[in-house]
């Protein structure tokens, strides 16, 4: 999956991971984070502005989407601060 860059604000932000572009359903679970904090109880990532992060996502077996997007939300208000461009999904198997 191509990288998504967002630099903005001064406070930590939360990423709710990946949504299907067609249905807007949440379709992925973060399973690994480098440069970000992963809360495994809520499956939410906390990102630090200006710091690069690598995130591993796991799609559920029933996902057949061809594109997805990521949302970055304000940690305090849950307001969407940034939505990534549509990202292609290439499932092997």
Protein backbone atom coordinates (compact mmCIF):
# COMPACT_ATOMS: atom_id res chain seq x y z
CA UNK A 1 0.00 0.00 0.00
CA UNK A 2 1.43 3.40 -0.86
CA UNK A 3 2.31 5.72 1.99
CA UNK A 4 0.02 8.49 3.14
CA UNK A 5 1.65 11.63 4.49
CA UNK A 6 -0.05 14.08 6.81
CA UNK A 7 1.71 16.77 8.79
CA UNK A 8 -0.50 19.14 10.68
CA UNK A 9 -1.41 20.37 14.10
CA UNK A 10 0.67 20.16 17.24
CA UNK A 11 -1.21 17.55 19.22
CA UNK A 12 -1.39 13.79 18.68
CA UNK A 13 -4.01 12.59 16.22
CA UNK A 14 -5.79 9.30 15.87
CA UNK A 15 -6.13 7.15 12.78
CA UNK A 16 -9.11 4.79 12.64
CA UNK A 17 -7.48 2.82 9.84
CA UNK A 18 -9.02 1.79 6.55
CA UNK A 19 -12.49 2.20 5.06
CA UNK A 20 -13.96 0.71 1.88
CA UNK A 21 -14.25 3.52 -0.69
CA UNK A 22 -17.58 2.26 -1.99
CA UNK A 23 -19.44 1.39 1.24
CA UNK A 24 -17.50 3.52 3.78
CA UNK A 25 -17.34 0.46 6.06
CA UNK A 26 -14.34 -0.07 8.32
CA UNK A 27 -12.52 -3.00 6.68
CA UNK A 28 -9.07 -3.24 8.24
CA UNK A 29 -7.50 -3.75 11.63
CA UNK A 30 -4.07 -2.32 12.47
CA UNK A 31 -1.73 -5.11 13.52
CA UNK A 32 1.61 -3.31 13.69
CA UNK A 33 2.84 0.24 14.11
CA UNK A 34 6.32 1.70 13.93
CA UNK A 35 6.54 5.37 14.85
CA UNK A 36 2.95 5.43 16.19
CA UNK A 37 1.16 4.08 19.24
CA UNK A 38 -1.24 1.17 18.65
CA UNK A 39 -4.00 0.58 21.22
CA UNK A 40 -4.89 -3.07 20.69
CA UNK A 41 -8.07 -2.77 22.81
CA UNK A 42 -9.62 -0.15 20.53
CA UNK A 43 -7.59 -0.84 17.34
CA UNK A 44 -6.76 2.85 17.13
CA UNK A 45 -3.44 4.42 16.26
CA UNK A 46 -2.12 7.61 17.83
CA UNK A 47 0.16 9.56 15.50
CA UNK A 48 2.56 12.33 16.42
CA UNK A 49 2.50 15.28 13.99
CA UNK A 50 5.66 15.53 11.93
CA UNK A 51 6.80 12.00 12.79
CA UNK A 52 6.81 9.33 10.09
CA UNK A 53 4.89 6.14 10.87
CA UNK A 54 4.62 2.75 9.21
CA UNK A 55 1.36 0.90 9.81
CA UNK A 56 0.54 -2.71 9.03
CA UNK A 57 -3.14 -3.41 8.31
CA UNK A 58 -5.00 -6.71 8.20
CA UNK A 59 -8.07 -6.96 6.00
CA UNK A 60 -10.79 -9.38 7.02
CA UNK A 61 -11.28 -12.48 4.82
CA UNK A 62 -14.57 -11.21 3.41
CA UNK A 63 -13.15 -7.96 2.06
CA UNK A 64 -13.36 -7.69 -1.71
CA UNK A 65 -12.83 -3.95 -2.09
CA UNK A 66 -10.53 -2.64 -4.79
CA UNK A 67 -9.83 0.67 -3.03
CA UNK A 68 -9.76 1.95 0.52
CA UNK A 69 -8.91 5.16 2.34
CA UNK A 70 -7.49 6.18 5.71
CA UNK A 71 -8.95 8.81 8.04
CA UNK A 72 -7.01 10.93 10.49
CA UNK A 73 -9.14 12.23 13.35
CA UNK A 74 -8.62 14.66 16.19
CA UNK A 75 -7.97 12.63 19.34
CA UNK A 76 -10.16 14.86 21.53
CA UNK A 77 -13.17 15.56 19.28
CA UNK A 78 -13.09 12.69 16.73
CA UNK A 79 -13.39 15.31 13.97
CA UNK A 80 -11.97 14.14 10.61
CA UNK A 81 -8.81 16.18 9.95
CA UNK A 82 -7.62 14.40 6.84
CA UNK A 83 -8.83 11.71 4.49
CA UNK A 84 -6.27 9.99 2.31
CA UNK A 85 -6.67 9.66 -1.42
CA UNK A 86 -8.21 6.37 -2.51
CA UNK A 87 -5.58 3.64 -2.16
CA UNK A 88 -5.60 0.56 -4.41
CA UNK A 89 -5.95 -2.85 -2.77
CA UNK A 90 -4.14 -5.77 -4.39
CA UNK A 91 -4.99 -9.00 -2.60
CA UNK A 92 -2.76 -11.99 -3.25
CA UNK A 93 -4.35 -15.39 -3.29
